[in-house]
Amino acid sequence: MKFNASYFDQLGRSSGVRALVTQKAESVAARARAAAPVDTGEYRDGIHVEVSTSAHRVVATVVASSEHSMIVESQTGNLRRALNGGASGG
């Protein structure tokens, strides 16, 4: 049996896979925004999804882009919890 790598590369970059990956990432981002600590709202409002395509697949990344996102994440683990599907715990 021969593995058809180009078929799986095309599948991994297809519009259906892009939609599924983006939908899942948007769900994580929504959970992160809902559970985000709010002082000015800058951290919460900076949470978004970035989608890119490599040679083999579509990748969606949930990003927090405020200047203090690293500090908030290090103290709260908000993005990690959102990725794990919950808004509580630590």
N, C-alpha and C. Protein backbone atom coordinates (compact mmCIF):
# COMPACT_ATOMS: atom_id res chain seq x y z
N MET A 1 0.84 -1.16 0.00
CA MET A 1 0.00 0.00 0.00
C MET A 1 0.89 1.24 0.00
N LYS A 2 0.57 2.19 -0.88
CA LYS A 2 1.33 3.42 -0.98
C LYS A 2 0.53 4.57 -0.38
N PHE A 3 1.17 5.34 0.46
CA PHE A 3 0.56 6.50 1.12
C PHE A 3 0.59 7.67 0.15
N ASN A 4 -0.57 8.28 -0.09
CA ASN A 4 -0.67 9.40 -1.02
C ASN A 4 -0.56 10.71 -0.23
N ALA A 5 0.67 11.15 -0.04
CA ALA A 5 0.92 12.34 0.78
C ALA A 5 0.27 13.59 0.20
N SER A 6 0.27 13.74 -1.11
CA SER A 6 -0.30 14.96 -1.69
C SER A 6 -1.81 15.04 -1.46
N TYR A 7 -2.48 13.89 -1.43
CA TYR A 7 -3.91 13.88 -1.14
C TYR A 7 -4.16 14.43 0.27
N PHE A 8 -3.38 13.96 1.24
CA PHE A 8 -3.58 14.40 2.61
C PHE A 8 -3.15 15.86 2.81
N ASP A 9 -2.16 16.31 2.03
CA ASP A 9 -1.80 17.72 2.06
C ASP A 9 -2.95 18.57 1.55
N GLN A 10 -3.57 18.17 0.44
CA GLN A 10 -4.71 18.90 -0.10
C GLN A 10 -5.88 18.88 0.86
N LEU A 11 -6.13 17.73 1.47
CA LEU A 11 -7.22 17.60 2.45
C LEU A 11 -6.96 18.51 3.65
N GLY A 12 -5.74 18.52 4.15
CA GLY A 12 -5.39 19.34 5.31
C GLY A 12 -5.50 20.83 5.06
N ARG A 13 -5.45 21.24 3.79
CA ARG A 13 -5.56 22.66 3.43
C ARG A 13 -6.92 23.00 2.82
N SER A 14 -7.84 22.06 2.80
CA SER A 14 -9.14 22.26 2.14
C SER A 14 -10.01 23.27 2.88
N SER A 15 -11.00 23.79 2.17
CA SER A 15 -11.90 24.78 2.77
C SER A 15 -12.71 24.17 3.92
N GLY A 16 -13.06 22.91 3.82
CA GLY A 16 -13.80 22.25 4.90
C GLY A 16 -12.98 22.14 6.17
N VAL A 17 -11.72 21.77 6.02
CA VAL A 17 -10.83 21.67 7.18
C VAL A 17 -10.57 23.07 7.74
N ARG A 18 -10.37 24.05 6.85
CA ARG A 18 -10.17 25.44 7.30
C ARG A 18 -11.36 25.90 8.14
N ALA A 19 -12.57 25.62 7.68
CA ALA A 19 -13.78 26.03 8.41
C ALA A 19 -13.85 25.34 9.77
N LEU A 20 -13.57 24.05 9.81
CA LEU A 20 -13.63 23.31 11.07
C LEU A 20 -12.58 23.82 12.06
N VAL A 21 -11.36 23.99 11.60
CA VAL A 21 -10.28 24.45 12.47
C VAL A 21 -10.58 25.86 12.99
N THR A 22 -11.06 26.72 12.10
CA THR A 22 -11.38 28.10 12.49
C THR A 22 -12.53 28.12 13.49
N GLN A 23 -13.55 27.30 13.25
CA GLN A 23 -14.70 27.24 14.15
C GLN A 23 -14.26 26.81 15.56
N LYS A 24 -13.42 25.81 15.64
CA LYS A 24 -12.95 25.34 16.96
C LYS A 24 -12.12 26.42 17.65
N ALA A 25 -11.26 27.10 16.91
CA ALA A 25 -10.44 28.16 17.50
C ALA A 25 -11.31 29.33 17.95
N GLU A 26 -12.32 29.68 17.17
CA GLU A 26 -13.23 30.77 17.57
C GLU A 26 -13.98 30.40 18.84
N SER A 27 -14.31 29.14 19.01
CA SER A 27 -14.96 28.68 20.23
C SER A 27 -14.05 28.85 21.44
N VAL A 28 -12.78 28.51 21.28
CA VAL A 28 -11.80 28.70 22.35
C VAL A 28 -11.65 30.19 22.66
N ALA A 29 -11.55 31.01 21.61
CA ALA A 29 -11.40 32.46 21.81
C ALA A 29 -12.61 33.04 22.54
N ALA A 30 -13.80 32.58 22.19
CA ALA A 30 -15.01 33.06 22.86
C ALA A 30 -15.00 32.70 24.34
N ARG A 31 -14.57 31.46 24.67
CA ARG A 31 -14.47 31.07 26.09
C ARG A 31 -13.43 31.93 26.80
N ALA A 32 -12.32 32.20 26.13
CA ALA A 32 -11.26 33.03 26.74
C ALA A 32 -11.76 34.45 26.98
N ARG A 33 -12.46 35.02 26.02
CA ARG A 33 -12.99 36.38 26.21
C ARG A 33 -14.02 36.41 27.33
N ALA A 34 -14.87 35.40 27.40
CA ALA A 34 -15.91 35.36 28.43
C ALA A 34 -15.32 35.26 29.84
N ALA A 35 -14.19 34.57 29.97
CA ALA A 35 -13.59 34.37 31.29
C ALA A 35 -12.45 35.35 31.57
N ALA A 36 -12.15 36.22 30.64
CA ALA A 36 -11.01 37.13 30.79
C ALA A 36 -11.23 38.10 31.93
N PRO A 37 -10.19 38.32 32.73
CA PRO A 37 -10.29 39.37 33.75
C PRO A 37 -10.34 40.73 33.05
N VAL A 38 -11.16 41.62 33.57
CA VAL A 38 -11.34 42.91 32.90
C VAL A 38 -10.98 44.04 33.85
N ASP A 39 -10.01 44.81 33.44
CA ASP A 39 -9.70 46.07 34.11
C ASP A 39 -10.06 47.18 33.13
N THR A 40 -9.31 47.24 32.05
CA THR A 40 -9.61 48.21 30.99
C THR A 40 -10.37 47.57 29.83
N GLY A 41 -10.33 46.24 29.73
CA GLY A 41 -10.94 45.53 28.61
C GLY A 41 -9.98 45.29 27.46
N GLU A 42 -8.79 45.85 27.56
CA GLU A 42 -7.80 45.73 26.49
C GLU A 42 -7.37 44.27 26.28
N TYR A 43 -7.12 43.54 27.36
CA TYR A 43 -6.73 42.13 27.25
C TYR A 43 -7.86 41.34 26.58
N ARG A 44 -9.06 41.45 27.12
CA ARG A 44 -10.22 40.72 26.58
C ARG A 44 -10.44 41.04 25.10
N ASP A 45 -10.39 42.32 24.77
CA ASP A 45 -10.65 42.74 23.40
C ASP A 45 -9.54 42.35 22.43
N GLY A 46 -8.36 42.05 22.96
CA GLY A 46 -7.24 41.64 22.12
C GLY A 46 -7.20 40.16 21.81
N ILE A 47 -8.11 39.38 22.39
CA ILE A 47 -8.14 37.95 22.13
C ILE A 47 -8.81 37.72 20.78
N HIS A 48 -8.09 37.07 19.88
CA HIS A 48 -8.60 36.82 18.53
C HIS A 48 -7.96 35.58 17.94
N VAL A 49 -8.43 35.19 16.76
CA VAL A 49 -7.93 34.00 16.07
C VAL A 49 -7.15 34.44 14.84
N GLU A 50 -5.99 33.82 14.65
CA GLU A 50 -5.20 34.01 13.44
C GLU A 50 -5.11 32.66 12.73
N VAL A 51 -5.42 32.65 11.44
CA VAL A 51 -5.42 31.42 10.65
C VAL A 51 -4.33 31.51 9.60
N SER A 52 -3.53 30.45 9.50
CA SER A 52 -2.48 30.39 8.48
C SER A 52 -2.51 29.02 7.83
N THR A 53 -1.88 28.93 6.68
CA THR A 53 -1.81 27.67 5.95
C THR A 53 -0.36 27.34 5.67
N SER A 54 0.02 26.12 6.02
CA SER A 54 1.38 25.66 5.72
C SER A 54 1.29 24.71 4.53
N ALA A 55 2.37 24.08 4.20
CA ALA A 55 2.38 23.14 3.08
C ALA A 55 1.48 21.94 3.33
N HIS A 56 1.23 21.62 4.60
CA HIS A 56 0.52 20.39 4.93
C HIS A 56 -0.84 20.59 5.59
N ARG A 57 -1.09 21.75 6.18
CA ARG A 57 -2.33 21.90 6.94
C ARG A 57 -2.66 23.36 7.22
N VAL A 58 -3.89 23.54 7.68
CA VAL A 58 -4.37 24.83 8.16
C VAL A 58 -4.14 24.87 9.66
N VAL A 59 -3.68 26.00 10.15
CA VAL A 59 -3.42 26.18 11.58
C VAL A 59 -4.17 27.41 12.05
N ALA A 60 -4.92 27.28 13.13
CA ALA A 60 -5.60 28.42 13.75
C ALA A 60 -5.02 28.59 15.15
N THR A 61 -4.64 29.81 15.46
CA THR A 61 -4.02 30.11 16.74
C THR A 61 -4.86 31.16 17.46
N VAL A 62 -5.15 30.90 18.74
CA VAL A 62 -5.84 31.89 19.56
C VAL A 62 -4.75 32.77 20.17
N VAL A 63 -4.88 34.08 19.94
CA VAL A 63 -3.84 35.03 20.32
C VAL A 63 -4.44 36.10 21.23
N ALA A 64 -3.67 36.50 22.23
CA ALA A 64 -4.03 37.66 23.05
C ALA A 64 -2.98 38.72 22.73
N SER A 65 -3.40 39.84 22.17
CA SER A 65 -2.44 40.77 21.59
C SER A 65 -2.24 42.08 22.35
N SER A 66 -2.83 42.22 23.53
CA SER A 66 -2.57 43.46 24.27
C SER A 66 -1.14 43.45 24.78
N GLU A 67 -0.64 44.62 25.13
CA GLU A 67 0.74 44.72 25.59
C GLU A 67 0.99 43.94 26.88
N HIS A 68 -0.03 43.75 27.67
CA HIS A 68 0.14 43.05 28.95
C HIS A 68 -0.45 41.64 28.95
N SER A 69 -0.70 41.08 27.79
CA SER A 69 -1.29 39.74 27.70
C SER A 69 -0.44 38.66 28.37
N MET A 70 0.88 38.75 28.20
CA MET A 70 1.75 37.73 28.81
C MET A 70 1.65 37.76 30.33
N ILE A 71 1.53 38.95 30.90
CA ILE A 71 1.41 39.07 32.35
C ILE A 71 0.08 38.48 32.81
N VAL A 72 -1.00 38.84 32.12
CA VAL A 72 -2.32 38.33 32.49
C VAL A 72 -2.34 36.81 32.38
N GLU A 73 -1.82 36.29 31.29
CA GLU A 73 -1.82 34.84 31.10
C GLU A 73 -0.97 34.14 32.15
N SER A 74 0.17 34.70 32.49
CA SER A 74 1.03 34.07 33.50
C SER A 74 0.37 34.04 34.87
N GLN A 75 -0.48 35.02 35.14
CA GLN A 75 -1.15 35.09 36.44
C GLN A 75 -2.46 34.32 36.49
N THR A 76 -3.12 34.17 35.34
CA THR A 76 -4.46 33.58 35.34
C THR A 76 -4.59 32.27 34.59
N GLY A 77 -3.77 32.03 33.59
CA GLY A 77 -3.91 30.83 32.77
C GLY A 77 -5.20 30.84 31.96
N ASN A 78 -5.73 32.00 31.66
CA ASN A 78 -7.02 32.12 30.99
C ASN A 78 -7.06 31.40 29.64
N LEU A 79 -6.07 31.62 28.79
CA LEU A 79 -6.07 30.97 27.48
C LEU A 79 -5.93 29.46 27.61
N ARG A 80 -5.10 29.02 28.52
CA ARG A 80 -4.94 27.58 28.76
C ARG A 80 -6.25 26.95 29.18
N ARG A 81 -6.94 27.59 30.12
CA ARG A 81 -8.22 27.04 30.57
C ARG A 81 -9.24 27.03 29.44
N ALA A 82 -9.25 28.08 28.63
CA ALA A 82 -10.19 28.14 27.50
C ALA A 82 -9.90 27.01 26.52
N LEU A 83 -8.63 26.73 26.29
CA LEU A 83 -8.27 25.63 25.39
C LEU A 83 -8.68 24.29 25.97
N ASN A 84 -8.57 24.15 27.27
CA ASN A 84 -8.96 22.90 27.92
C ASN A 84 -10.47 22.77 28.08
N GLY A 85 -11.22 23.81 27.72
CA GLY A 85 -12.67 23.73 27.71
C GLY A 85 -13.36 24.23 28.95
N GLY A 86 -12.62 24.78 29.89
CA GLY A 86 -13.26 25.26 31.11
C GLY A 86 -12.84 26.67 31.44
N ALA A 87 -13.62 27.31 32.26
CA ALA A 87 -13.31 28.69 32.65
C ALA A 87 -12.87 28.78 34.09
N SER A 88 -12.83 27.65 34.80
CA SER A 88 -12.42 27.71 36.20
C SER A 88 -11.25 26.79 36.43
N GLY A 89 -10.70 26.85 37.58
CA GLY A 89 -9.56 26.00 37.92
C GLY A 89 -8.26 26.70 37.57
N GLY A 90 -7.18 26.11 37.92
CA GLY A 90 -5.94 26.79 37.63
C GLY A 90 -4.82 25.96 37.82
